[in-house]
Amino acid sequence: MNENNAIELKNITKRFGQVVANDKVCLSLKKGEILSILGENGSGKTTLMNMISGIYYPDEGQIMIHGKEVTIRSPKDSFDLGIGMIHQHFKLVDVLTAAENIILGLPGKEILDRKAVNDKINELTGKYGFDLDPDQKIYRMSVSQKQTVEIVKMLYRGVDILILDEPTAVLTPQEADRLFAVLRNMKSRSFHYHYYT
């Protein structure tokens, strides 16, 4: 176990009936590293990420987060470990604003202070170089803007490991370049990343 690794997977295996989706996969991601996993459709990339994010549970193997072996049985377990996953199909409520989507489901009365919420969102977007209007409705946003809302939602909730599921599949080349620039900016600020396509 290496404490310099944000994520370390050892011999992860996942089966669905007789189909082996992942067979003894080993992977390590250092703190502050951006990693892309490449492979054909059906090669097990999403299944592997779904085990880190708590959607699936491995049949065999170990998962270490920041050098400690962990058990991730649900998305809540994953989130409690500081892991956030942005799925290819966004989970946003179209009639709400960016800010409302970012705080949706959070406990506590402080989320009722819209000025404080917007200030924190603006601080995060300024720090990492995102372009986001907290008051814009989701249905008025481009796909790239919706992706930004999903990322900022994870940052607002305090994750320090971010998994992006095929993040460029829905973006124009210019939007993809902008996303990569933001990710590099986040890396330079020592944010831990895992990105795969």
N, C-alpha and C. Protein backbone atom coordinates (compact mmCIF):
# COMPACT_ATOMS: atom_id res chain seq x y z
N MET A 1 0.84 -1.19 0.00
CA MET A 1 0.00 0.00 0.00
C MET A 1 0.88 1.25 0.00
N ASN A 2 0.60 2.14 -0.92
CA ASN A 2 1.40 3.34 -1.08
C ASN A 2 0.55 4.55 -0.72
N GLU A 3 0.96 5.30 0.31
CA GLU A 3 0.19 6.46 0.75
C GLU A 3 0.22 7.60 -0.25
N ASN A 4 1.16 7.55 -1.23
CA ASN A 4 1.20 8.58 -2.27
C ASN A 4 0.15 8.35 -3.34
N ASN A 5 -0.50 7.20 -3.30
CA ASN A 5 -1.54 6.90 -4.27
C ASN A 5 -2.90 7.37 -3.76
N ALA A 6 -3.64 8.05 -4.61
CA ALA A 6 -5.02 8.42 -4.26
C ALA A 6 -5.89 7.17 -4.33
N ILE A 7 -5.67 6.36 -5.38
CA ILE A 7 -6.42 5.11 -5.58
C ILE A 7 -5.42 4.02 -5.93
N GLU A 8 -5.64 2.85 -5.35
CA GLU A 8 -4.87 1.68 -5.74
C GLU A 8 -5.82 0.48 -5.79
N LEU A 9 -5.85 -0.18 -6.95
CA LEU A 9 -6.68 -1.37 -7.12
C LEU A 9 -5.77 -2.57 -7.28
N LYS A 10 -6.09 -3.65 -6.57
CA LYS A 10 -5.29 -4.87 -6.65
C LYS A 10 -6.18 -6.05 -6.99
N ASN A 11 -5.94 -6.64 -8.15
CA ASN A 11 -6.61 -7.87 -8.58
C ASN A 11 -8.13 -7.78 -8.52
N ILE A 12 -8.67 -6.66 -9.01
CA ILE A 12 -10.12 -6.46 -8.99
C ILE A 12 -10.76 -7.32 -10.08
N THR A 13 -11.73 -8.12 -9.66
CA THR A 13 -12.46 -8.99 -10.57
C THR A 13 -13.95 -8.77 -10.37
N LYS A 14 -14.67 -8.67 -11.48
CA LYS A 14 -16.13 -8.52 -11.43
C LYS A 14 -16.74 -9.39 -12.51
N ARG A 15 -17.71 -10.21 -12.09
CA ARG A 15 -18.41 -11.08 -13.01
C ARG A 15 -19.90 -10.74 -13.01
N PHE A 16 -20.53 -10.90 -14.16
CA PHE A 16 -21.97 -10.82 -14.29
C PHE A 16 -22.41 -12.16 -14.87
N GLY A 17 -22.83 -13.07 -14.00
CA GLY A 17 -23.11 -14.43 -14.45
C GLY A 17 -21.83 -15.06 -14.92
N GLN A 18 -21.82 -15.53 -16.17
CA GLN A 18 -20.62 -16.16 -16.71
C GLN A 18 -19.71 -15.17 -17.44
N VAL A 19 -20.15 -13.93 -17.55
CA VAL A 19 -19.35 -12.91 -18.23
C VAL A 19 -18.40 -12.27 -17.22
N VAL A 20 -17.12 -12.28 -17.53
CA VAL A 20 -16.11 -11.64 -16.68
C VAL A 20 -15.85 -10.25 -17.25
N ALA A 21 -16.31 -9.23 -16.53
CA ALA A 21 -16.15 -7.85 -17.00
C ALA A 21 -14.76 -7.31 -16.68
N ASN A 22 -14.24 -7.65 -15.50
CA ASN A 22 -12.89 -7.26 -15.09
C ASN A 22 -12.21 -8.49 -14.50
N ASP A 23 -10.99 -8.75 -14.94
CA ASP A 23 -10.28 -9.95 -14.50
C ASP A 23 -8.93 -9.56 -13.91
N LYS A 24 -8.87 -9.53 -12.57
CA LYS A 24 -7.62 -9.25 -11.84
C LYS A 24 -6.97 -7.93 -12.29
N VAL A 25 -7.76 -6.87 -12.31
CA VAL A 25 -7.26 -5.56 -12.74
C VAL A 25 -6.47 -4.91 -11.60
N CYS A 26 -5.29 -4.42 -11.95
CA CYS A 26 -4.45 -3.67 -11.01
C CYS A 26 -4.25 -2.28 -11.60
N LEU A 27 -4.38 -1.27 -10.78
CA LEU A 27 -4.26 0.11 -11.25
C LEU A 27 -3.88 0.98 -10.06
N SER A 28 -3.03 1.96 -10.30
CA SER A 28 -2.76 2.94 -9.24
C SER A 28 -2.78 4.33 -9.83
N LEU A 29 -3.26 5.25 -9.04
CA LEU A 29 -3.38 6.65 -9.42
C LEU A 29 -2.74 7.48 -8.32
N LYS A 30 -1.68 8.20 -8.68
CA LYS A 30 -0.99 9.03 -7.69
C LYS A 30 -1.80 10.28 -7.39
N LYS A 31 -1.58 10.85 -6.23
CA LYS A 31 -2.24 12.10 -5.87
C LYS A 31 -1.83 13.17 -6.88
N GLY A 32 -2.81 13.92 -7.37
CA GLY A 32 -2.54 14.99 -8.31
C GLY A 32 -2.37 14.54 -9.75
N GLU A 33 -2.62 13.27 -10.04
CA GLU A 33 -2.42 12.72 -11.38
C GLU A 33 -3.73 12.70 -12.16
N ILE A 34 -3.63 12.96 -13.45
CA ILE A 34 -4.76 12.77 -14.36
C ILE A 34 -4.47 11.50 -15.14
N LEU A 35 -5.39 10.57 -15.09
CA LEU A 35 -5.21 9.28 -15.74
C LEU A 35 -6.38 9.01 -16.67
N SER A 36 -6.09 8.57 -17.87
CA SER A 36 -7.13 8.20 -18.81
C SER A 36 -7.04 6.72 -19.08
N ILE A 37 -8.16 6.03 -19.00
CA ILE A 37 -8.23 4.61 -19.31
C ILE A 37 -8.90 4.47 -20.66
N LEU A 38 -8.20 3.82 -21.58
CA LEU A 38 -8.70 3.67 -22.93
C LEU A 38 -9.05 2.21 -23.20
N GLY A 39 -10.04 2.00 -24.03
CA GLY A 39 -10.41 0.65 -24.41
C GLY A 39 -11.69 0.67 -25.22
N GLU A 40 -11.94 -0.41 -25.90
CA GLU A 40 -13.14 -0.51 -26.72
C GLU A 40 -14.38 -0.57 -25.85
N ASN A 41 -15.53 -0.32 -26.46
CA ASN A 41 -16.79 -0.52 -25.76
C ASN A 41 -16.88 -1.96 -25.30
N GLY A 42 -17.31 -2.15 -24.06
CA GLY A 42 -17.43 -3.50 -23.52
C GLY A 42 -16.16 -4.05 -22.91
N SER A 43 -15.11 -3.23 -22.83
CA SER A 43 -13.85 -3.73 -22.27
C SER A 43 -13.78 -3.65 -20.75
N GLY A 44 -14.80 -3.08 -20.09
CA GLY A 44 -14.85 -3.09 -18.64
C GLY A 44 -14.46 -1.80 -17.94
N LYS A 45 -14.26 -0.73 -18.71
CA LYS A 45 -13.85 0.54 -18.10
C LYS A 45 -14.91 1.07 -17.14
N THR A 46 -16.14 1.15 -17.61
CA THR A 46 -17.21 1.68 -16.77
C THR A 46 -17.47 0.79 -15.57
N THR A 47 -17.41 -0.52 -15.76
CA THR A 47 -17.59 -1.45 -14.65
C THR A 47 -16.55 -1.19 -13.57
N LEU A 48 -15.31 -1.00 -13.98
CA LEU A 48 -14.23 -0.73 -13.02
C LEU A 48 -14.49 0.55 -12.25
N MET A 49 -14.87 1.61 -12.96
CA MET A 49 -15.14 2.89 -12.30
C MET A 49 -16.37 2.79 -11.40
N ASN A 50 -17.35 1.98 -11.82
CA ASN A 50 -18.55 1.81 -11.00
C ASN A 50 -18.24 1.09 -9.68
N MET A 51 -17.17 0.31 -9.64
CA MET A 51 -16.77 -0.30 -8.37
C MET A 51 -16.11 0.72 -7.45
N ILE A 52 -15.36 1.64 -8.02
CA ILE A 52 -14.75 2.70 -7.21
C ILE A 52 -15.84 3.65 -6.70
N SER A 53 -16.86 3.87 -7.51
CA SER A 53 -17.91 4.82 -7.12
C SER A 53 -19.07 4.16 -6.36
N GLY A 54 -18.98 2.85 -6.09
CA GLY A 54 -19.96 2.20 -5.23
C GLY A 54 -21.21 1.69 -5.89
N ILE A 55 -21.27 1.72 -7.21
CA ILE A 55 -22.45 1.21 -7.91
C ILE A 55 -22.40 -0.32 -7.96
N TYR A 56 -21.20 -0.87 -8.18
CA TYR A 56 -20.99 -2.31 -8.14
C TYR A 56 -20.01 -2.62 -7.01
N TYR A 57 -20.01 -3.88 -6.58
CA TYR A 57 -19.08 -4.35 -5.56
C TYR A 57 -18.21 -5.43 -6.21
N PRO A 58 -16.88 -5.37 -6.05
CA PRO A 58 -16.03 -6.37 -6.70
C PRO A 58 -16.24 -7.77 -6.11
N ASP A 59 -16.13 -8.76 -6.98
CA ASP A 59 -16.19 -10.15 -6.51
C ASP A 59 -14.89 -10.56 -5.84
N GLU A 60 -13.80 -9.98 -6.29
CA GLU A 60 -12.48 -10.27 -5.72
C GLU A 60 -11.64 -9.01 -5.79
N GLY A 61 -10.59 -8.95 -4.96
CA GLY A 61 -9.61 -7.88 -5.02
C GLY A 61 -9.76 -6.86 -3.92
N GLN A 62 -8.84 -5.91 -3.92
CA GLN A 62 -8.79 -4.88 -2.89
C GLN A 62 -8.81 -3.49 -3.52
N ILE A 63 -9.46 -2.56 -2.81
CA ILE A 63 -9.44 -1.15 -3.18
C ILE A 63 -8.81 -0.38 -2.04
N MET A 64 -7.78 0.41 -2.36
CA MET A 64 -7.14 1.28 -1.38
C MET A 64 -7.36 2.73 -1.78
N ILE A 65 -7.75 3.54 -0.82
CA ILE A 65 -7.89 4.98 -1.03
C ILE A 65 -6.93 5.67 -0.07
N HIS A 66 -6.05 6.48 -0.61
CA HIS A 66 -5.02 7.18 0.18
C HIS A 66 -4.26 6.20 1.08
N GLY A 67 -3.94 5.02 0.54
CA GLY A 67 -3.10 4.06 1.25
C GLY A 67 -3.81 3.15 2.22
N LYS A 68 -5.13 3.29 2.36
CA LYS A 68 -5.87 2.45 3.31
C LYS A 68 -6.88 1.59 2.56
N GLU A 69 -6.93 0.30 2.91
CA GLU A 69 -7.91 -0.58 2.28
C GLU A 69 -9.30 -0.17 2.73
N VAL A 70 -10.21 -0.10 1.77
CA VAL A 70 -11.58 0.32 2.05
C VAL A 70 -12.57 -0.67 1.46
N THR A 71 -13.78 -0.62 1.98
CA THR A 71 -14.90 -1.36 1.43
C THR A 71 -15.91 -0.35 0.92
N ILE A 72 -16.20 -0.41 -0.36
CA ILE A 72 -17.15 0.52 -0.98
C ILE A 72 -18.36 -0.28 -1.44
N ARG A 73 -19.45 -0.18 -0.70
CA ARG A 73 -20.64 -0.96 -1.02
C ARG A 73 -21.78 -0.10 -1.58
N SER A 74 -21.58 1.22 -1.61
CA SER A 74 -22.63 2.10 -2.11
C SER A 74 -22.01 3.42 -2.56
N PRO A 75 -22.74 4.20 -3.37
CA PRO A 75 -22.24 5.52 -3.74
C PRO A 75 -21.99 6.40 -2.51
N LYS A 76 -22.77 6.22 -1.45
CA LYS A 76 -22.54 7.00 -0.23
C LYS A 76 -21.19 6.66 0.38
N ASP A 77 -20.83 5.37 0.40
CA ASP A 77 -19.51 4.97 0.91
C ASP A 77 -18.41 5.66 0.10
N SER A 78 -18.57 5.65 -1.22
CA SER A 78 -17.59 6.28 -2.10
C SER A 78 -17.50 7.78 -1.83
N PHE A 79 -18.64 8.42 -1.74
CA PHE A 79 -18.66 9.86 -1.49
C PHE A 79 -18.03 10.19 -0.14
N ASP A 80 -18.31 9.36 0.88
CA ASP A 80 -17.71 9.59 2.21
C ASP A 80 -16.19 9.48 2.18
N LEU A 81 -15.65 8.78 1.18
CA LEU A 81 -14.20 8.66 1.01
C LEU A 81 -13.64 9.79 0.14
N GLY A 82 -14.49 10.73 -0.27
CA GLY A 82 -14.05 11.87 -1.08
C GLY A 82 -14.00 11.59 -2.56
N ILE A 83 -14.76 10.58 -3.02
CA ILE A 83 -14.78 10.21 -4.43
C ILE A 83 -16.09 10.66 -5.06
N GLY A 84 -16.01 11.35 -6.17
CA GLY A 84 -17.19 11.77 -6.90
C GLY A 84 -17.09 11.31 -8.34
N MET A 85 -18.20 10.85 -8.90
CA MET A 85 -18.21 10.39 -10.29
C MET A 85 -19.21 11.20 -11.10
N ILE A 86 -18.75 11.69 -12.23
CA ILE A 86 -19.60 12.40 -13.18
C ILE A 86 -19.94 11.40 -14.28
N HIS A 87 -21.18 11.02 -14.35
CA HIS A 87 -21.62 10.03 -15.32
C HIS A 87 -21.80 10.68 -16.69
N GLN A 88 -21.75 9.86 -17.72
CA GLN A 88 -21.90 10.36 -19.08
C GLN A 88 -23.27 11.01 -19.28
N HIS A 89 -24.29 10.47 -18.65
CA HIS A 89 -25.63 11.04 -18.72
C HIS A 89 -25.86 11.81 -17.42
N PHE A 90 -25.95 13.12 -17.53
CA PHE A 90 -25.99 13.98 -16.36
C PHE A 90 -27.25 13.77 -15.54
N LYS A 91 -27.14 14.02 -14.26
CA LYS A 91 -28.25 13.84 -13.33
C LYS A 91 -28.64 15.21 -12.76
N LEU A 92 -29.23 16.02 -13.63
CA LEU A 92 -29.60 17.38 -13.26
C LEU A 92 -31.10 17.58 -13.46
N VAL A 93 -31.67 18.51 -12.72
CA VAL A 93 -33.08 18.87 -12.85
C VAL A 93 -33.15 20.11 -13.74
N ASP A 94 -33.71 19.95 -14.93
CA ASP A 94 -33.67 21.00 -15.95
C ASP A 94 -34.30 22.32 -15.53
N VAL A 95 -35.38 22.28 -14.73
CA VAL A 95 -36.08 23.52 -14.40
C VAL A 95 -35.42 24.28 -13.25
N LEU A 96 -34.41 23.70 -12.63
CA LEU A 96 -33.69 24.38 -11.55
C LEU A 96 -32.47 25.10 -12.09
N THR A 97 -31.94 26.02 -11.29
CA THR A 97 -30.72 26.73 -11.66
C THR A 97 -29.51 25.85 -11.38
N ALA A 98 -28.35 26.31 -11.86
CA ALA A 98 -27.09 25.62 -11.58
C ALA A 98 -26.89 25.50 -10.07
N ALA A 99 -27.06 26.60 -9.34
CA ALA A 99 -26.87 26.60 -7.89
C ALA A 99 -27.84 25.65 -7.20
N GLU A 100 -29.09 25.65 -7.63
CA GLU A 100 -30.08 24.76 -7.01
C GLU A 100 -29.72 23.30 -7.23
N ASN A 101 -29.22 22.97 -8.42
CA ASN A 101 -28.78 21.60 -8.68
C ASN A 101 -27.55 21.24 -7.86
N ILE A 102 -26.65 22.17 -7.68
CA ILE A 102 -25.42 21.92 -6.93
C ILE A 102 -25.72 21.60 -5.47
N ILE A 103 -26.69 22.28 -4.87
CA ILE A 103 -26.99 22.05 -3.45
C ILE A 103 -28.13 21.06 -3.21
N LEU A 104 -28.77 20.61 -4.28
CA LEU A 104 -29.90 19.71 -4.15
C LEU A 104 -29.52 18.47 -3.33
N GLY A 105 -30.28 18.21 -2.28
CA GLY A 105 -30.05 17.04 -1.45
C GLY A 105 -29.09 17.23 -0.30
N LEU A 106 -28.45 18.39 -0.23
CA LEU A 106 -27.53 18.64 0.88
C LEU A 106 -28.31 18.96 2.16
N PRO A 107 -27.83 18.50 3.30
CA PRO A 107 -28.51 18.80 4.56
C PRO A 107 -28.12 20.18 5.08
N GLY A 108 -28.89 20.69 6.02
CA GLY A 108 -28.51 21.92 6.71
C GLY A 108 -29.21 23.15 6.19
N LYS A 109 -29.43 24.07 7.09
CA LYS A 109 -30.15 25.29 6.72
C LYS A 109 -29.26 26.30 6.00
N GLU A 110 -27.91 26.11 6.07
CA GLU A 110 -27.04 27.07 5.40
C GLU A 110 -27.25 27.08 3.89
N ILE A 111 -27.81 25.99 3.34
CA ILE A 111 -28.04 25.98 1.90
C ILE A 111 -29.17 26.93 1.50
N LEU A 112 -29.93 27.41 2.48
CA LEU A 112 -30.99 28.36 2.17
C LEU A 112 -30.47 29.77 1.95
N ASP A 113 -29.21 30.01 2.30
CA ASP A 113 -28.58 31.31 2.10
C ASP A 113 -28.02 31.35 0.67
N ARG A 114 -28.85 31.82 -0.27
CA ARG A 114 -28.47 31.79 -1.68
C ARG A 114 -27.22 32.61 -1.97
N LYS A 115 -27.05 33.72 -1.27
CA LYS A 115 -25.85 34.53 -1.50
C LYS A 115 -24.60 33.74 -1.11
N ALA A 116 -24.63 33.07 0.04
CA ALA A 116 -23.48 32.28 0.48
C ALA A 116 -23.22 31.13 -0.48
N VAL A 117 -24.29 30.48 -0.95
CA VAL A 117 -24.14 29.38 -1.91
C VAL A 117 -23.49 29.90 -3.19
N ASN A 118 -24.02 31.00 -3.74
CA ASN A 118 -23.45 31.57 -4.97
C ASN A 118 -22.01 32.01 -4.77
N ASP A 119 -21.71 32.59 -3.59
CA ASP A 119 -20.33 33.02 -3.31
C ASP A 119 -19.38 31.82 -3.32
N LYS A 120 -19.80 30.71 -2.71
CA LYS A 120 -18.94 29.52 -2.69
C LYS A 120 -18.78 28.94 -4.09
N ILE A 121 -19.86 28.92 -4.87
CA ILE A 121 -19.77 28.44 -6.25
C ILE A 121 -18.83 29.32 -7.05
N ASN A 122 -18.96 30.65 -6.91
CA ASN A 122 -18.10 31.57 -7.64
C ASN A 122 -16.64 31.43 -7.21
N GLU A 123 -16.41 31.14 -5.94
CA GLU A 123 -15.04 30.91 -5.45
C GLU A 123 -14.44 29.67 -6.13
N LEU A 124 -15.22 28.58 -6.19
CA LEU A 124 -14.74 27.35 -6.82
C LEU A 124 -14.50 27.54 -8.31
N THR A 125 -15.44 28.19 -8.99
CA THR A 125 -15.28 28.36 -10.43
C THR A 125 -14.11 29.28 -10.75
N GLY A 126 -13.91 30.31 -9.94
CA GLY A 126 -12.78 31.19 -10.13
C GLY A 126 -11.45 30.50 -9.86
N LYS A 127 -11.43 29.69 -8.82
CA LYS A 127 -10.19 28.99 -8.44
C LYS A 127 -9.71 28.04 -9.53
N TYR A 128 -10.65 27.33 -10.16
CA TYR A 128 -10.26 26.31 -11.13
C TYR A 128 -10.45 26.72 -12.59
N GLY A 129 -11.06 27.88 -12.83
CA GLY A 129 -11.17 28.36 -14.20
C GLY A 129 -12.42 27.94 -14.94
N PHE A 130 -13.47 27.58 -14.21
CA PHE A 130 -14.74 27.24 -14.85
C PHE A 130 -15.49 28.52 -15.19
N ASP A 131 -16.36 28.44 -16.19
CA ASP A 131 -17.24 29.54 -16.54
C ASP A 131 -18.66 29.08 -16.25
N LEU A 132 -19.27 29.61 -15.18
CA LEU A 132 -20.59 29.14 -14.76
C LEU A 132 -21.37 30.26 -14.09
N ASP A 133 -22.59 30.44 -14.54
CA ASP A 133 -23.51 31.39 -13.90
C ASP A 133 -24.40 30.58 -12.96
N PRO A 134 -24.28 30.76 -11.63
CA PRO A 134 -25.07 29.98 -10.68
C PRO A 134 -26.58 30.13 -10.84
N ASP A 135 -27.02 31.25 -11.43
CA ASP A 135 -28.45 31.52 -11.56
C ASP A 135 -29.05 31.06 -12.89
N GLN A 136 -28.25 30.51 -13.77
CA GLN A 136 -28.77 30.07 -15.07
C GLN A 136 -29.51 28.74 -14.92
N LYS A 137 -30.65 28.64 -15.58
CA LYS A 137 -31.44 27.41 -15.57
C LYS A 137 -30.74 26.34 -16.42
N ILE A 138 -30.84 25.10 -15.98
CA ILE A 138 -30.19 24.00 -16.67
C ILE A 138 -30.69 23.86 -18.11
N TYR A 139 -32.00 24.02 -18.32
CA TYR A 139 -32.54 23.83 -19.67
C TYR A 139 -32.03 24.86 -20.66
N ARG A 140 -31.41 25.92 -20.18
CA ARG A 140 -30.85 26.95 -21.06
C ARG A 140 -29.35 26.74 -21.31
N MET A 141 -28.80 25.64 -20.80
CA MET A 141 -27.36 25.41 -20.87
C MET A 141 -26.98 24.48 -22.01
N SER A 142 -25.75 24.66 -22.48
CA SER A 142 -25.16 23.72 -23.44
C SER A 142 -24.74 22.46 -22.68
N VAL A 143 -24.40 21.42 -23.42
CA VAL A 143 -23.94 20.18 -22.79
C VAL A 143 -22.68 20.45 -21.97
N SER A 144 -21.78 21.25 -22.49
CA SER A 144 -20.55 21.59 -21.77
C SER A 144 -20.85 22.29 -20.44
N GLN A 145 -21.80 23.22 -20.47
CA GLN A 145 -22.18 23.93 -19.24
C GLN A 145 -22.80 22.97 -18.21
N LYS A 146 -23.60 22.02 -18.69
CA LYS A 146 -24.20 21.04 -17.78
C LYS A 146 -23.11 20.18 -17.14
N GLN A 147 -22.12 19.81 -17.93
CA GLN A 147 -21.00 19.04 -17.39
C GLN A 147 -20.27 19.84 -16.31
N THR A 148 -20.11 21.13 -16.56
CA THR A 148 -19.48 22.01 -15.57
C THR A 148 -20.27 22.02 -14.27
N VAL A 149 -21.60 22.08 -14.36
CA VAL A 149 -22.44 22.04 -13.16
C VAL A 149 -22.19 20.75 -12.39
N GLU A 150 -22.13 19.63 -13.09
CA GLU A 150 -21.89 18.34 -12.42
C GLU A 150 -20.53 18.34 -11.71
N ILE A 151 -19.51 18.86 -12.36
CA ILE A 151 -18.18 18.89 -11.74
C ILE A 151 -18.17 19.81 -10.53
N VAL A 152 -18.73 21.00 -10.67
CA VAL A 152 -18.77 21.95 -9.56
C VAL A 152 -19.60 21.39 -8.40
N LYS A 153 -20.65 20.65 -8.72
CA LYS A 153 -21.46 20.01 -7.67
C LYS A 153 -20.59 19.09 -6.82
N MET A 154 -19.72 18.32 -7.45
CA MET A 154 -18.82 17.42 -6.70
C MET A 154 -17.81 18.22 -5.88
N LEU A 155 -17.25 19.27 -6.49
CA LEU A 155 -16.27 20.09 -5.76
C LEU A 155 -16.92 20.78 -4.57
N TYR A 156 -18.14 21.26 -4.75
CA TYR A 156 -18.88 21.94 -3.68
C TYR A 156 -19.07 21.00 -2.50
N ARG A 157 -19.24 19.72 -2.78
CA ARG A 157 -19.47 18.72 -1.75
C ARG A 157 -18.17 18.18 -1.16
N GLY A 158 -17.03 18.66 -1.64
CA GLY A 158 -15.76 18.36 -0.99
C GLY A 158 -15.02 17.14 -1.49
N VAL A 159 -15.36 16.60 -2.68
CA VAL A 159 -14.61 15.45 -3.15
C VAL A 159 -13.18 15.87 -3.53
N ASP A 160 -12.25 14.91 -3.39
CA ASP A 160 -10.89 15.19 -3.83
C ASP A 160 -10.38 14.17 -4.85
N ILE A 161 -11.24 13.23 -5.21
CA ILE A 161 -10.97 12.31 -6.31
C ILE A 161 -12.19 12.38 -7.22
N LEU A 162 -11.95 12.70 -8.48
CA LEU A 162 -13.05 12.91 -9.41
C LEU A 162 -12.91 11.94 -10.58
N ILE A 163 -13.97 11.19 -10.85
CA ILE A 163 -14.00 10.26 -11.97
C ILE A 163 -14.97 10.82 -13.00
N LEU A 164 -14.49 10.95 -14.23
CA LEU A 164 -15.32 11.47 -15.31
C LEU A 164 -15.55 10.35 -16.32
N ASP A 165 -16.80 9.99 -16.54
CA ASP A 165 -17.15 8.92 -17.46
C ASP A 165 -17.29 9.48 -18.87
N GLU A 166 -16.37 9.13 -19.73
CA GLU A 166 -16.35 9.57 -21.13
C GLU A 166 -16.66 11.06 -21.26
N PRO A 167 -15.85 11.91 -20.63
CA PRO A 167 -16.18 13.33 -20.56
C PRO A 167 -16.17 14.07 -21.89
N THR A 168 -15.42 13.59 -22.86
CA THR A 168 -15.35 14.32 -24.13
C THR A 168 -16.32 13.79 -25.18
N ALA A 169 -17.03 12.72 -24.88
CA ALA A 169 -17.93 12.10 -25.87
C ALA A 169 -19.02 13.05 -26.33
N VAL A 170 -19.45 13.95 -25.46
CA VAL A 170 -20.57 14.84 -25.79
C VAL A 170 -20.12 16.27 -26.07
N LEU A 171 -18.80 16.50 -26.15
CA LEU A 171 -18.27 17.85 -26.30
C LEU A 171 -17.75 18.10 -27.71
N THR A 172 -17.80 19.36 -28.12
CA THR A 172 -17.14 19.77 -29.35
C THR A 172 -15.64 19.77 -29.10
N PRO A 173 -14.82 19.78 -30.14
CA PRO A 173 -13.36 19.84 -29.92
C PRO A 173 -12.94 21.05 -29.07
N GLN A 174 -13.57 22.20 -29.29
CA GLN A 174 -13.23 23.39 -28.51
C GLN A 174 -13.62 23.21 -27.03
N GLU A 175 -14.78 22.60 -26.80
CA GLU A 175 -15.21 22.36 -25.42
C GLU A 175 -14.31 21.35 -24.74
N ALA A 176 -13.86 20.34 -25.48
CA ALA A 176 -12.94 19.35 -24.93
C ALA A 176 -11.62 20.01 -24.55
N ASP A 177 -11.11 20.88 -25.42
CA ASP A 177 -9.88 21.61 -25.11
C ASP A 177 -10.04 22.43 -23.84
N ARG A 178 -11.19 23.07 -23.68
CA ARG A 178 -11.46 23.88 -22.48
C ARG A 178 -11.50 22.99 -21.23
N LEU A 179 -12.14 21.84 -21.35
CA LEU A 179 -12.19 20.90 -20.22
C LEU A 179 -10.79 20.47 -19.83
N PHE A 180 -9.96 20.12 -20.81
CA PHE A 180 -8.59 19.70 -20.51
C PHE A 180 -7.81 20.82 -19.83
N ALA A 181 -8.02 22.06 -20.26
CA ALA A 181 -7.34 23.20 -19.63
C ALA A 181 -7.75 23.32 -18.17
N VAL A 182 -9.05 23.15 -17.89
CA VAL A 182 -9.54 23.23 -16.50
C VAL A 182 -8.95 22.08 -15.68
N LEU A 183 -8.91 20.87 -16.24
CA LEU A 183 -8.35 19.74 -15.51
C LEU A 183 -6.87 19.95 -15.20
N ARG A 184 -6.12 20.49 -16.17
CA ARG A 184 -4.71 20.78 -15.90
C ARG A 184 -4.57 21.83 -14.80
N ASN A 185 -5.47 22.83 -14.81
CA ASN A 185 -5.47 23.85 -13.77
C ASN A 185 -5.74 23.22 -12.40
N MET A 186 -6.68 22.29 -12.35
CA MET A 186 -7.00 21.62 -11.10
C MET A 186 -5.81 20.78 -10.63
N LYS A 187 -5.15 20.11 -11.57
CA LYS A 187 -3.98 19.31 -11.22
C LYS A 187 -2.89 20.20 -10.61
N SER A 188 -2.69 21.37 -11.19
CA SER A 188 -1.65 22.28 -10.69
C SER A 188 -1.96 22.76 -9.28
N ARG A 189 -3.23 22.65 -8.89
CA ARG A 189 -3.63 23.02 -7.54
C ARG A 189 -3.78 21.80 -6.64
N SER A 190 -3.13 20.70 -7.06
CA SER A 190 -3.05 19.46 -6.28
C SER A 190 -4.38 18.78 -6.04
N PHE A 191 -5.29 18.92 -6.97
CA PHE A 191 -6.54 18.17 -6.87
C PHE A 191 -6.29 16.79 -7.45
N HIS A 192 -6.82 15.73 -6.84
CA HIS A 192 -6.62 14.36 -7.32
C HIS A 192 -7.66 14.09 -8.40
N TYR A 193 -7.21 13.49 -9.50
CA TYR A 193 -8.12 13.22 -10.60
C TYR A 193 -8.00 11.84 -11.12
N HIS A 194 -9.11 11.34 -11.54
CA HIS A 194 -9.10 10.11 -12.34
C HIS A 194 -10.07 10.42 -13.47
N TYR A 195 -9.59 10.31 -14.67
CA TYR A 195 -10.43 10.65 -15.81
C TYR A 195 -10.31 9.50 -16.79
N TYR A 196 -11.40 9.04 -17.29
CA TYR A 196 -11.29 7.96 -18.26
C TYR A 196 -12.29 8.14 -19.38
N THR A 197 -11.94 7.56 -20.54
CA THR A 197 -12.83 7.61 -21.69
C THR A 197 -13.03 6.22 -22.24
